[in-house]
Amino acid sequence: MQQIRTLMSSEFDQVNQLIIDQLHSKVALVENIGHYIVDAGGKRLRPLLVLLGAGALGNVQREHISLAAIIEFIHTATLLHDDVVDISSLRRGRPTANAQWGNAPSVLVGDFLYSRAFQLLVELGNLPLMQLLADTTNTIAEGEVLQLTKAGDASTSEAAYFEVIKNKTAVLFAAAAQGAAFISAADTETSARLYRYGLNLGIAFQLADDVLDYLGDPEKMGKNIGDDLGEGKPTLPLIATINSGSDTERDLISAAITNRDASGIEEVVAAVTRCGALDYTMERARFYAEAAANELSGLSDSPYLQALNRLCQLAVDRDR
């Protein structure tokens, strides 16, 4: 990942500077919370997709820098709102913004970041891009609500789970990749391929994330093992265990989801491992990672294309 970031280091510096510039507000608390969560870092995969997509299609333009910042603002806003909804206390290895300042300021600063993203988007004056991101943010909101309705529901189907992660996570990956194509004036087929690339990559990334919730290193991940279970989220490792595990394993997982109880996390980890649910989830992650890579077949070879292909592997082969 560091090698890929180095490839776009100059462009990343420009994106980071634009983010800092656009966090300016007359209200000090807005800047304080905005800087707190943005400065926490993270993988920055979504803005990276914009920059790599632009490079693969020719060159990175000023508008791509703006789009990368817009995508990061939208993502950061969803994180602020997510942490309030999930009552999370830890993200990226430090207290969440809501743990530091409270729920109300976190929600409102999330709103500020959403609106700032769309102010920047209006400046670009690209109507198809505006339509794409308006639709995307609406879909993300629907995904968040759908996930909320499934919390504590042990009968959630695999299809419903995939609908949640597609809407909540993958569509912003897709918008980042396709948005780069819109700015580069790519043809319709190339634009559609990049959308599907981002969508499949986002699904693969989330599937791997859901495995790491049971096998990852808390210090590397910056969050606690079993957080999703404590929030009653029926992720694929849990759904697969309910579908194929023994009666004892099925009862254990169902009760943990229904009661939103992660106190028996060691037993749960043993169950999802024993019945093959983690292996199954990783198989699905690799399937979507491969599907993402296949969408790049029509692009000319370049270091940027190679990096986009490499991201497909890194999405599933990671420890955080």
C-alpha atoms as a PDB file:
ATOM      1  CA  MET A   1       0.000   0.000   0.000  1.00  0.00           C
ATOM      2  CA  GLN A   2       2.837   2.369   0.802  1.00  0.00           C
ATOM      3  CA  GLN A   3       4.289   1.836  -2.682  1.00  0.00           C
ATOM      4  CA  ILE A   4       0.937   2.739  -4.217  1.00  0.00           C
ATOM      5  CA  ARG A   5       0.688   5.868  -2.087  1.00  0.00           C
ATOM      6  CA  THR A   6       4.218   6.843  -3.120  1.00  0.00           C
ATOM      7  CA  LEU A   7       3.130   6.661  -6.752  1.00  0.00           C
ATOM      8  CA  MET A   8       0.575   9.393  -6.033  1.00  0.00           C
ATOM      9  CA  SER A   9       2.477  11.224  -3.265  1.00  0.00           C
ATOM     10  CA  SER A  10       2.446  14.647  -4.916  1.00  0.00           C
ATOM     11  CA  GLU A  11      -1.253  14.415  -5.746  1.00  0.00           C
ATOM     12  CA  PHE A  12      -2.042  13.166  -2.230  1.00  0.00           C
ATOM     13  CA  ASP A  13      -0.257  16.205  -0.803  1.00  0.00           C
ATOM     14  CA  GLN A  14      -2.524  18.418  -2.897  1.00  0.00           C
ATOM     15  CA  VAL A  15      -5.624  16.558  -1.736  1.00  0.00           C
ATOM     16  CA  ASN A  16      -4.590  16.836   1.910  1.00  0.00           C
ATOM     17  CA  GLN A  17      -3.909  20.547   1.564  1.00  0.00           C
ATOM     18  CA  LEU A  18      -7.300  21.102  -0.051  1.00  0.00           C
ATOM     19  CA  ILE A  19      -8.970  19.178   2.774  1.00  0.00           C
ATOM     20  CA  ILE A  20      -7.216  21.341   5.361  1.00  0.00           C
ATOM     21  CA  ASP A  21      -8.167  24.525   3.493  1.00  0.00           C
ATOM     22  CA  GLN A  22     -11.805  23.465   3.211  1.00  0.00           C
ATOM     23  CA  LEU A  23     -12.123  22.574   6.905  1.00  0.00           C
ATOM     24  CA  HIS A  24     -11.971  26.273   7.699  1.00  0.00           C
ATOM     25  CA  SER A  25     -15.000  27.534   9.619  1.00  0.00           C
ATOM     26  CA  LYS A  26     -15.933  30.558  11.690  1.00  0.00           C
ATOM     27  CA  VAL A  27     -17.019  28.082  14.367  1.00  0.00           C
ATOM     28  CA  ALA A  28     -13.973  26.687  16.165  1.00  0.00           C
ATOM     29  CA  LEU A  29     -15.671  23.444  17.185  1.00  0.00           C
ATOM     30  CA  VAL A  30     -16.327  22.594  13.548  1.00  0.00           C
ATOM     31  CA  GLU A  31     -12.630  22.873  12.745  1.00  0.00           C
ATOM     32  CA  ASN A  32     -11.586  21.023  15.893  1.00  0.00           C
ATOM     33  CA  ILE A  33     -13.772  17.979  15.217  1.00  0.00           C
ATOM     34  CA  GLY A  34     -13.146  18.058  11.476  1.00  0.00           C
ATOM     35  CA  HIS A  35      -9.375  18.088  11.931  1.00  0.00           C
ATOM     36  CA  TYR A  36      -9.585  15.450  14.658  1.00  0.00           C
ATOM     37  CA  ILE A  37     -11.213  12.822  12.472  1.00  0.00           C
ATOM     38  CA  VAL A  38      -9.476  13.757   9.193  1.00  0.00           C
ATOM     39  CA  ASP A  39      -6.049  13.848  10.855  1.00  0.00           C
ATOM     40  CA  ALA A  40      -6.667  10.344  12.238  1.00  0.00           C
ATOM     41  CA  GLY A  41      -5.639   9.140   8.803  1.00  0.00           C
ATOM     42  CA  GLY A  42      -6.996   5.787   7.738  1.00  0.00           C
ATOM     43  CA  LYS A  43      -6.489   4.005   4.457  1.00  0.00           C
ATOM     44  CA  ARG A  44      -7.821   6.843   2.268  1.00  0.00           C
ATOM     45  CA  LEU A  45      -8.726   4.198  -0.325  1.00  0.00           C
ATOM     46  CA  ARG A  46     -11.581   6.185  -1.818  1.00  0.00           C
ATOM     47  CA  PRO A  47      -9.612   9.309  -2.744  1.00  0.00           C
ATOM     48  CA  LEU A  48      -6.799   7.007  -3.862  1.00  0.00           C
ATOM     49  CA  LEU A  49      -9.216   5.413  -6.349  1.00  0.00           C
ATOM     50  CA  VAL A  50      -9.929   8.842  -7.828  1.00  0.00           C
ATOM     51  CA  LEU A  51      -6.240   9.600  -8.305  1.00  0.00           C
ATOM     52  CA  LEU A  52      -5.285   6.173  -9.668  1.00  0.00           C
ATOM     53  CA  GLY A  53      -8.292   6.145 -11.973  1.00  0.00           C
ATOM     54  CA  ALA A  54      -7.283   9.543 -13.313  1.00  0.00           C
ATOM     55  CA  GLY A  55      -3.722   8.375 -13.857  1.00  0.00           C
ATOM     56  CA  ALA A  56      -4.875   5.221 -15.634  1.00  0.00           C
ATOM     57  CA  LEU A  57      -7.017   7.326 -17.969  1.00  0.00           C
ATOM     58  CA  GLY A  58      -4.283   9.797 -18.857  1.00  0.00           C
ATOM     59  CA  ASN A  59      -3.391  12.372 -16.226  1.00  0.00           C
ATOM     60  CA  VAL A  60      -4.527  13.813 -12.901  1.00  0.00           C
ATOM     61  CA  GLN A  61      -6.277  17.139 -13.375  1.00  0.00           C
ATOM     62  CA  ARG A  62      -7.089  19.821 -10.824  1.00  0.00           C
ATOM     63  CA  GLU A  63     -10.687  18.615 -10.862  1.00  0.00           C
ATOM     64  CA  HIS A  64      -9.546  15.132  -9.819  1.00  0.00           C
ATOM     65  CA  ILE A  65      -7.845  16.632  -6.762  1.00  0.00           C
ATOM     66  CA  SER A  66     -11.123  18.332  -5.844  1.00  0.00           C
ATOM     67  CA  LEU A  67     -13.091  15.122  -6.380  1.00  0.00           C
ATOM     68  CA  ALA A  68     -10.694  13.164  -4.156  1.00  0.00           C
ATOM     69  CA  ALA A  69     -11.256  15.701  -1.361  1.00  0.00           C
ATOM     70  CA  ILE A  70     -15.019  15.596  -1.928  1.00  0.00           C
ATOM     71  CA  ILE A  71     -15.048  11.800  -1.661  1.00  0.00           C
ATOM     72  CA  GLU A  72     -13.019  11.929   1.556  1.00  0.00           C
ATOM     73  CA  PHE A  73     -15.367  14.530   3.067  1.00  0.00           C
ATOM     74  CA  ILE A  74     -18.390  12.372   2.266  1.00  0.00           C
ATOM     75  CA  HIS A  75     -16.696   9.310   3.734  1.00  0.00           C
ATOM     76  CA  THR A  76     -15.634  11.190   6.866  1.00  0.00           C
ATOM     77  CA  ALA A  77     -19.168  12.494   7.355  1.00  0.00           C
ATOM     78  CA  THR A  78     -20.512   8.936   7.233  1.00  0.00           C
ATOM     79  CA  LEU A  79     -17.937   7.884   9.847  1.00  0.00           C
ATOM     80  CA  LEU A  80     -19.046  10.637  12.214  1.00  0.00           C
ATOM     81  CA  HIS A  81     -22.681   9.626  11.814  1.00  0.00           C
ATOM     82  CA  ASP A  82     -21.865   5.886  12.019  1.00  0.00           C
ATOM     83  CA  ASP A  83     -20.069   6.263  15.322  1.00  0.00           C
ATOM     84  CA  VAL A  84     -23.047   8.051  16.833  1.00  0.00           C
ATOM     85  CA  VAL A  85     -25.527   5.448  15.560  1.00  0.00           C
ATOM     86  CA  ASP A  86     -23.298   2.567  16.708  1.00  0.00           C
ATOM     87  CA  ILE A  87     -22.419   4.277  20.011  1.00  0.00           C
ATOM     88  CA  SER A  88     -18.774   3.575  19.139  1.00  0.00           C
ATOM     89  CA  SER A  89     -16.008   4.684  21.463  1.00  0.00           C
ATOM     90  CA  LEU A  90     -12.920   3.741  19.446  1.00  0.00           C
ATOM     91  CA  ARG A  91     -11.903   4.306  15.828  1.00  0.00           C
ATOM     92  CA  ARG A  92      -8.444   4.092  14.286  1.00  0.00           C
ATOM     93  CA  GLY A  93      -6.953   3.442  17.686  1.00  0.00           C
ATOM     94  CA  ARG A  94      -8.256   6.493  19.500  1.00  0.00           C
ATOM     95  CA  PRO A  95     -11.526   7.793  20.974  1.00  0.00           C
ATOM     96  CA  THR A  96     -14.243   8.602  18.459  1.00  0.00           C
ATOM     97  CA  ALA A  97     -15.357  12.187  17.998  1.00  0.00           C
ATOM     98  CA  ASN A  98     -18.636  11.464  19.775  1.00  0.00           C
ATOM     99  CA  ALA A  99     -16.705  10.028  22.717  1.00  0.00           C
ATOM    100  CA  GLN A 100     -14.664  13.226  22.852  1.00  0.00           C
ATOM    101  CA  TRP A 101     -17.299  15.894  22.198  1.00  0.00           C
ATOM    102  CA  GLY A 102     -20.661  14.157  22.387  1.00  0.00           C
ATOM    103  CA  ASN A 103     -23.239  12.977  19.868  1.00  0.00           C
ATOM    104  CA  ALA A 104     -24.821  16.279  18.879  1.00  0.00           C
ATOM    105  CA  PRO A 105     -21.580  18.020  17.798  1.00  0.00           C
ATOM    106  CA  SER A 106     -20.485  14.894  15.903  1.00  0.00           C
ATOM    107  CA  VAL A 107     -23.729  14.714  13.918  1.00  0.00           C
ATOM    108  CA  LEU A 108     -23.686  18.409  13.117  1.00  0.00           C
ATOM    109  CA  VAL A 109     -20.048  18.433  12.019  1.00  0.00           C
ATOM    110  CA  GLY A 110     -20.858  15.423   9.852  1.00  0.00           C
ATOM    111  CA  ASP A 111     -23.563  17.573   8.251  1.00  0.00           C
ATOM    112  CA  PHE A 112     -21.003  20.355   7.772  1.00  0.00           C
ATOM    113  CA  LEU A 113     -18.667  17.977   5.928  1.00  0.00           C
ATOM    114  CA  TYR A 114     -21.492  16.730   3.701  1.00  0.00           C
ATOM    115  CA  SER A 115     -22.464  20.271   2.775  1.00  0.00           C
ATOM    116  CA  ARG A 116     -18.836  21.320   2.238  1.00  0.00           C
ATOM    117  CA  ALA A 117     -18.411  18.368  -0.113  1.00  0.00           C
ATOM    118  CA  PHE A 118     -21.340  19.556  -2.200  1.00  0.00           C
ATOM    119  CA  GLN A 119     -20.082  23.146  -2.198  1.00  0.00           C
ATOM    120  CA  LEU A 120     -16.866  21.858  -3.767  1.00  0.00           C
ATOM    121  CA  LEU A 121     -18.880  19.718  -6.157  1.00  0.00           C
ATOM    122  CA  VAL A 122     -20.892  22.701  -7.361  1.00  0.00           C
ATOM    123  CA  GLU A 123     -17.635  24.539  -8.099  1.00  0.00           C
ATOM    124  CA  LEU A 124     -16.674  21.749 -10.497  1.00  0.00           C
ATOM    125  CA  GLY A 125     -19.862  22.376 -12.488  1.00  0.00           C
ATOM    126  CA  ASN A 126     -19.977  18.804 -13.814  1.00  0.00           C
ATOM    127  CA  LEU A 127     -23.655  17.832 -13.876  1.00  0.00           C
ATOM    128  CA  PRO A 128     -23.184  14.070 -14.451  1.00  0.00           C
ATOM    129  CA  LEU A 129     -20.724  14.030 -11.546  1.00  0.00           C
ATOM    130  CA  MET A 130     -23.176  15.935  -9.348  1.00  0.00           C
ATOM    131  CA  GLN A 131     -25.893  13.431 -10.246  1.00  0.00           C
ATOM    132  CA  LEU A 132     -23.586  10.511  -9.457  1.00  0.00           C
ATOM    133  CA  LEU A 133     -22.641  11.804  -6.007  1.00  0.00           C
ATOM    134  CA  ALA A 134     -26.169  12.941  -5.152  1.00  0.00           C
ATOM    135  CA  ASP A 135     -27.433   9.439  -5.961  1.00  0.00           C
ATOM    136  CA  THR A 136     -24.519   7.877  -4.107  1.00  0.00           C
ATOM    137  CA  THR A 137     -25.033   9.796  -0.863  1.00  0.00           C
ATOM    138  CA  ASN A 138     -28.739   8.990  -0.989  1.00  0.00           C
ATOM    139  CA  THR A 139     -27.965   5.293  -1.455  1.00  0.00           C
ATOM    140  CA  ILE A 140     -25.476   5.375   1.433  1.00  0.00           C
ATOM    141  CA  ALA A 141     -28.162   6.834   3.684  1.00  0.00           C
ATOM    142  CA  GLU A 142     -30.569   4.076   2.646  1.00  0.00           C
ATOM    143  CA  GLY A 143     -27.871   1.501   3.348  1.00  0.00           C
ATOM    144  CA  GLU A 144     -27.326   2.924   6.823  1.00  0.00           C
ATOM    145  CA  VAL A 145     -31.039   2.747   7.583  1.00  0.00           C
ATOM    146  CA  LEU A 146     -31.297  -0.786   6.174  1.00  0.00           C
ATOM    147  CA  GLN A 147     -28.395  -1.871   8.376  1.00  0.00           C
ATOM    148  CA  LEU A 148     -30.122  -0.281  11.362  1.00  0.00           C
ATOM    149  CA  THR A 149     -33.299  -2.252  10.683  1.00  0.00           C
ATOM    150  CA  LYS A 150     -31.292  -5.502  10.521  1.00  0.00           C
ATOM    151  CA  ALA A 151     -29.425  -4.924  13.798  1.00  0.00           C
ATOM    152  CA  GLY A 152     -30.370  -7.647  16.257  1.00  0.00           C
ATOM    153  CA  ASP A 153     -32.129  -9.647  13.523  1.00  0.00           C
ATOM    154  CA  ALA A 154     -30.664 -13.166  13.473  1.00  0.00           C
ATOM    155  CA  SER A 155     -32.907 -14.113  10.539  1.00  0.00           C
ATOM    156  CA  THR A 156     -31.179 -11.685   8.162  1.00  0.00           C
ATOM    157  CA  SER A 157     -30.506 -13.375   4.831  1.00  0.00           C
ATOM    158  CA  GLU A 158     -27.251 -13.381   2.910  1.00  0.00           C
ATOM    159  CA  ALA A 159     -28.952 -11.389   0.156  1.00  0.00           C
ATOM    160  CA  ALA A 160     -30.012  -8.703   2.631  1.00  0.00           C
ATOM    161  CA  TYR A 161     -26.476  -8.550   4.011  1.00  0.00           C
ATOM    162  CA  PHE A 162     -25.042  -7.964   0.522  1.00  0.00           C
ATOM    163  CA  GLU A 163     -27.629  -5.257  -0.097  1.00  0.00           C
ATOM    164  CA  VAL A 164     -26.444  -3.483   3.061  1.00  0.00           C
ATOM    165  CA  ILE A 165     -22.737  -3.574   2.239  1.00  0.00           C
ATOM    166  CA  LYS A 166     -23.316  -2.629  -1.398  1.00  0.00           C
ATOM    167  CA  ASN A 167     -25.332   0.437  -0.446  1.00  0.00           C
ATOM    168  CA  LYS A 168     -23.465   1.421   2.696  1.00  0.00           C
ATOM    169  CA  THR A 169     -19.871   0.846   1.590  1.00  0.00           C
ATOM    170  CA  ALA A 170     -19.327  -0.222  -2.001  1.00  0.00           C
ATOM    171  CA  VAL A 171     -21.195   2.552  -3.816  1.00  0.00           C
ATOM    172  CA  LEU A 172     -18.737   5.223  -2.630  1.00  0.00           C
ATOM    173  CA  PHE A 173     -15.830   3.148  -3.989  1.00  0.00           C
ATOM    174  CA  ALA A 174     -17.765   2.929  -7.261  1.00  0.00           C
ATOM    175  CA  ALA A 175     -18.485   6.657  -7.349  1.00  0.00           C
ATOM    176  CA  ALA A 176     -14.820   7.481  -6.719  1.00  0.00           C
ATOM    177  CA  ALA A 177     -13.681   5.351  -9.652  1.00  0.00           C
ATOM    178  CA  GLN A 178     -16.433   6.409 -12.053  1.00  0.00           C
ATOM    179  CA  GLY A 179     -16.166  10.049 -10.992  1.00  0.00           C
ATOM    180  CA  ALA A 180     -12.540  10.036 -12.137  1.00  0.00           C
ATOM    181  CA  ALA A 181     -13.737   8.724 -15.500  1.00  0.00           C
ATOM    182  CA  PHE A 182     -16.347  11.483 -15.801  1.00  0.00           C
ATOM    183  CA  ILE A 183     -13.727  14.175 -15.264  1.00  0.00           C
ATOM    184  CA  SER A 184     -11.363  12.493 -17.737  1.00  0.00           C
ATOM    185  CA  ALA A 185     -14.202  12.402 -20.306  1.00  0.00           C
ATOM    186  CA  ALA A 186     -13.809   8.641 -20.707  1.00  0.00           C
ATOM    187  CA  ASP A 187     -16.183   6.777 -22.991  1.00  0.00           C
ATOM    188  CA  THR A 188     -19.367   5.239 -21.609  1.00  0.00           C
ATOM    189  CA  GLU A 189     -18.041   1.669 -21.503  1.00  0.00           C
ATOM    190  CA  THR A 190     -14.838   2.644 -19.681  1.00  0.00           C
ATOM    191  CA  SER A 191     -16.838   4.701 -17.214  1.00  0.00           C
ATOM    192  CA  ALA A 192     -19.178   1.765 -16.555  1.00  0.00           C
ATOM    193  CA  ARG A 193     -16.244  -0.611 -16.128  1.00  0.00           C
ATOM    194  CA  LEU A 194     -14.652   1.646 -13.537  1.00  0.00           C
ATOM    195  CA  TYR A 195     -17.950   1.865 -11.677  1.00  0.00           C
ATOM    196  CA  ARG A 196     -18.191  -1.925 -11.553  1.00  0.00           C
ATOM    197  CA  TYR A 197     -14.521  -2.127 -10.562  1.00  0.00           C
ATOM    198  CA  GLY A 198     -15.123   0.167  -7.603  1.00  0.00           C
ATOM    199  CA  LEU A 199     -18.342  -1.586  -6.602  1.00  0.00           C
ATOM    200  CA  ASN A 200     -16.767  -5.049  -6.583  1.00  0.00           C
ATOM    201  CA  LEU A 201     -13.651  -3.756  -4.819  1.00  0.00           C
ATOM    202  CA  GLY A 202     -15.794  -2.153  -2.120  1.00  0.00           C
ATOM    203  CA  ILE A 203     -17.727  -5.381  -1.545  1.00  0.00           C
ATOM    204  CA  ALA A 204     -14.480  -7.362  -1.317  1.00  0.00           C
ATOM    205  CA  PHE A 205     -13.052  -4.824   1.113  1.00  0.00           C
ATOM    206  CA  GLN A 206     -16.105  -4.991   3.390  1.00  0.00           C
ATOM    207  CA  LEU A 207     -16.194  -8.790   3.367  1.00  0.00           C
ATOM    208  CA  ALA A 208     -12.550  -8.894   4.452  1.00  0.00           C
ATOM    209  CA  ASP A 209     -13.342  -6.265   7.095  1.00  0.00           C
ATOM    210  CA  ASP A 210     -16.081  -8.486   8.505  1.00  0.00           C
ATOM    211  CA  VAL A 211     -13.622 -11.374   8.836  1.00  0.00           C
ATOM    212  CA  LEU A 212     -11.108  -9.111  10.582  1.00  0.00           C
ATOM    213  CA  ASP A 213     -13.782  -8.270  13.140  1.00  0.00           C
ATOM    214  CA  TYR A 214     -13.188 -11.793  14.467  1.00  0.00           C
ATOM    215  CA  LEU A 215      -9.558 -12.480  13.612  1.00  0.00           C
ATOM    216  CA  GLY A 216      -7.850  -9.079  13.453  1.00  0.00           C
ATOM    217  CA  ASP A 217      -5.367  -7.493  15.827  1.00  0.00           C
ATOM    218  CA  PRO A 218      -7.178  -4.748  17.790  1.00  0.00           C
ATOM    219  CA  GLU A 219      -4.035  -2.618  17.986  1.00  0.00           C
ATOM    220  CA  LYS A 220      -3.509  -2.717  14.232  1.00  0.00           C
ATOM    221  CA  MET A 221      -7.195  -2.256  13.399  1.00  0.00           C
ATOM    222  CA  GLY A 222      -7.774   0.517  15.926  1.00  0.00           C
ATOM    223  CA  LYS A 223     -11.015  -1.066  17.136  1.00  0.00           C
ATOM    224  CA  ASN A 224     -12.051  -3.901  19.397  1.00  0.00           C
ATOM    225  CA  ILE A 225     -12.637  -7.497  18.276  1.00  0.00           C
ATOM    226  CA  GLY A 226     -16.356  -8.285  18.182  1.00  0.00           C
ATOM    227  CA  ASP A 227     -17.544  -4.667  17.891  1.00  0.00           C
ATOM    228  CA  ASP A 228     -19.985  -5.597  15.105  1.00  0.00           C
ATOM    229  CA  LEU A 229     -21.408  -8.418  17.181  1.00  0.00           C
ATOM    230  CA  GLY A 230     -21.894  -6.076  20.137  1.00  0.00           C
ATOM    231  CA  GLU A 231     -23.939  -3.850  17.846  1.00  0.00           C
ATOM    232  CA  GLY A 232     -26.042  -6.810  16.714  1.00  0.00           C
ATOM    233  CA  LYS A 233     -24.856  -6.585  13.088  1.00  0.00           C
ATOM    234  CA  PRO A 234     -25.531  -9.865  11.254  1.00  0.00           C
ATOM    235  CA  THR A 235     -22.401  -9.961   9.097  1.00  0.00           C
ATOM    236  CA  LEU A 236     -21.650 -12.779   6.651  1.00  0.00           C
ATOM    237  CA  PRO A 237     -19.496 -14.895   9.037  1.00  0.00           C
ATOM    238  CA  LEU A 238     -22.435 -14.961  11.449  1.00  0.00           C
ATOM    239  CA  ILE A 239     -25.072 -15.552   8.766  1.00  0.00           C
ATOM    240  CA  ALA A 240     -23.015 -18.396   7.282  1.00  0.00           C
ATOM    241  CA  THR A 241     -22.666 -20.008  10.705  1.00  0.00           C
ATOM    242  CA  ILE A 242     -26.416 -19.847  11.265  1.00  0.00           C
ATOM    243  CA  ASN A 243     -26.988 -21.353   7.821  1.00  0.00           C
ATOM    244  CA  SER A 244     -24.449 -24.193   7.994  1.00  0.00           C
ATOM    245  CA  GLY A 245     -23.338 -24.632  11.600  1.00  0.00           C
ATOM    246  CA  SER A 246     -24.508 -27.151  14.167  1.00  0.00           C
ATOM    247  CA  ASP A 247     -27.612 -26.547  16.268  1.00  0.00           C
ATOM    248  CA  THR A 248     -25.401 -25.442  19.149  1.00  0.00           C
ATOM    249  CA  GLU A 249     -23.450 -23.019  16.959  1.00  0.00           C
ATOM    250  CA  ARG A 250     -26.663 -21.711  15.401  1.00  0.00           C
ATOM    251  CA  ASP A 251     -28.208 -21.056  18.814  1.00  0.00           C
ATOM    252  CA  LEU A 252     -25.033 -19.382  20.096  1.00  0.00           C
ATOM    253  CA  ILE A 253     -24.790 -16.976  17.157  1.00  0.00           C
ATOM    254  CA  SER A 254     -28.516 -16.242  17.015  1.00  0.00           C
ATOM    255  CA  ALA A 255     -28.600 -15.356  20.707  1.00  0.00           C
ATOM    256  CA  ALA A 256     -25.510 -13.152  20.425  1.00  0.00           C
ATOM    257  CA  ILE A 257     -27.019 -11.201  17.505  1.00  0.00           C
ATOM    258  CA  THR A 258     -30.451 -10.883  19.063  1.00  0.00           C
ATOM    259  CA  ASN A 259     -29.082  -9.756  22.423  1.00  0.00           C
ATOM    260  CA  ARG A 260     -26.322  -7.651  20.848  1.00  0.00           C
ATOM    261  CA  ASP A 261     -23.960  -9.414  23.185  1.00  0.00           C
ATOM    262  CA  ALA A 262     -20.237  -9.768  22.488  1.00  0.00           C
ATOM    263  CA  SER A 263     -19.384 -11.086  25.951  1.00  0.00           C
ATOM    264  CA  GLY A 264     -18.963 -14.606  24.542  1.00  0.00           C
ATOM    265  CA  ILE A 265     -16.719 -13.459  21.699  1.00  0.00           C
ATOM    266  CA  GLU A 266     -14.201 -16.291  22.200  1.00  0.00           C
ATOM    267  CA  GLU A 267     -16.939 -18.907  21.754  1.00  0.00           C
ATOM    268  CA  VAL A 268     -18.278 -17.042  18.739  1.00  0.00           C
ATOM    269  CA  VAL A 269     -14.835 -16.852  17.109  1.00  0.00           C
ATOM    270  CA  ALA A 270     -14.407 -20.580  17.695  1.00  0.00           C
ATOM    271  CA  ALA A 271     -17.817 -21.297  16.151  1.00  0.00           C
ATOM    272  CA  VAL A 272     -17.391 -19.174  13.007  1.00  0.00           C
ATOM    273  CA  THR A 273     -13.943 -20.700  12.515  1.00  0.00           C
ATOM    274  CA  ARG A 274     -14.955 -24.289  13.169  1.00  0.00           C
ATOM    275  CA  CYS A 275     -17.876 -24.364  10.762  1.00  0.00           C
ATOM    276  CA  GLY A 276     -15.900 -22.709   7.946  1.00  0.00           C
ATOM    277  CA  ALA A 277     -17.828 -19.419   7.941  1.00  0.00           C
ATOM    278  CA  LEU A 278     -14.669 -17.282   7.947  1.00  0.00           C
ATOM    279  CA  ASP A 279     -13.192 -19.294   5.069  1.00  0.00           C
ATOM    280  CA  TYR A 280     -16.466 -18.964   3.176  1.00  0.00           C
ATOM    281  CA  THR A 281     -16.526 -15.199   3.700  1.00  0.00           C
ATOM    282  CA  MET A 282     -12.948 -14.860   2.454  1.00  0.00           C
ATOM    283  CA  GLU A 283     -13.798 -16.976  -0.594  1.00  0.00           C
ATOM    284  CA  ARG A 284     -16.571 -14.523  -1.392  1.00  0.00           C
ATOM    285  CA  ALA A 285     -14.182 -11.599  -0.826  1.00  0.00           C
ATOM    286  CA  ARG A 286     -11.694 -13.057  -3.296  1.00  0.00           C
ATOM    287  CA  PHE A 287     -14.486 -13.668  -5.815  1.00  0.00           C
ATOM    288  CA  TYR A 288     -15.410  -9.963  -5.768  1.00  0.00           C
ATOM    289  CA  ALA A 289     -11.766  -8.872  -5.804  1.00  0.00           C
ATOM    290  CA  GLU A 290     -11.238 -10.955  -8.941  1.00  0.00           C
ATOM    291  CA  ALA A 291     -14.411  -9.527 -10.489  1.00  0.00           C
ATOM    292  CA  ALA A 292     -13.049  -6.038  -9.823  1.00  0.00           C
ATOM    293  CA  ALA A 293      -9.721  -6.844 -11.475  1.00  0.00           C
ATOM    294  CA  ASN A 294     -11.501  -8.264 -14.533  1.00  0.00           C
ATOM    295  CA  GLU A 295     -13.155  -4.902 -15.158  1.00  0.00           C
ATOM    296  CA  LEU A 296      -9.728  -3.324 -15.767  1.00  0.00           C
ATOM    297  CA  SER A 297      -8.895  -5.544 -18.740  1.00  0.00           C
ATOM    298  CA  GLY A 298      -9.683  -2.879 -21.339  1.00  0.00           C
ATOM    299  CA  LEU A 299      -7.358  -0.193 -19.966  1.00  0.00           C
ATOM    300  CA  SER A 300      -3.844   0.450 -21.265  1.00  0.00           C
ATOM    301  CA  ASP A 301      -1.033  -0.856 -19.086  1.00  0.00           C
ATOM    302  CA  SER A 302       0.583   1.724 -16.812  1.00  0.00           C
ATOM    303  CA  PRO A 303       1.873   1.983 -13.233  1.00  0.00           C
ATOM    304  CA  TYR A 304      -1.561   3.348 -12.310  1.00  0.00           C
ATOM    305  CA  LEU A 305      -3.386   0.377 -13.816  1.00  0.00           C
ATOM    306  CA  GLN A 306      -1.000  -1.977 -12.053  1.00  0.00           C
ATOM    307  CA  ALA A 307      -1.759  -0.179  -8.780  1.00  0.00           C
ATOM    308  CA  LEU A 308      -5.511  -0.524  -9.340  1.00  0.00           C
ATOM    309  CA  ASN A 309      -4.989  -4.261  -9.887  1.00  0.00           C
ATOM    310  CA  ARG A 310      -2.801  -4.462  -6.792  1.00  0.00           C
ATOM    311  CA  LEU A 311      -5.576  -2.886  -4.708  1.00  0.00           C
ATOM    312  CA  CYS A 312      -7.783  -5.877  -5.523  1.00  0.00           C
ATOM    313  CA  GLN A 313      -5.281  -8.147  -3.784  1.00  0.00           C
ATOM    314  CA  LEU A 314      -4.615  -5.749  -0.913  1.00  0.00           C
ATOM    315  CA  ALA A 315      -8.349  -5.404  -0.226  1.00  0.00           C
ATOM    316  CA  VAL A 316      -8.497  -9.017   0.924  1.00  0.00           C
ATOM    317  CA  ASP A 317      -4.909  -9.772   2.003  1.00  0.00           C
ATOM    318  CA  ARG A 318      -4.492  -7.431   4.957  1.00  0.00           C
ATOM    319  CA  ASP A 319      -4.519  -7.396   8.727  1.00  0.00           C
ATOM    320  CA  ARG A 320      -6.390  -4.123   9.315  1.00  0.00           C
END
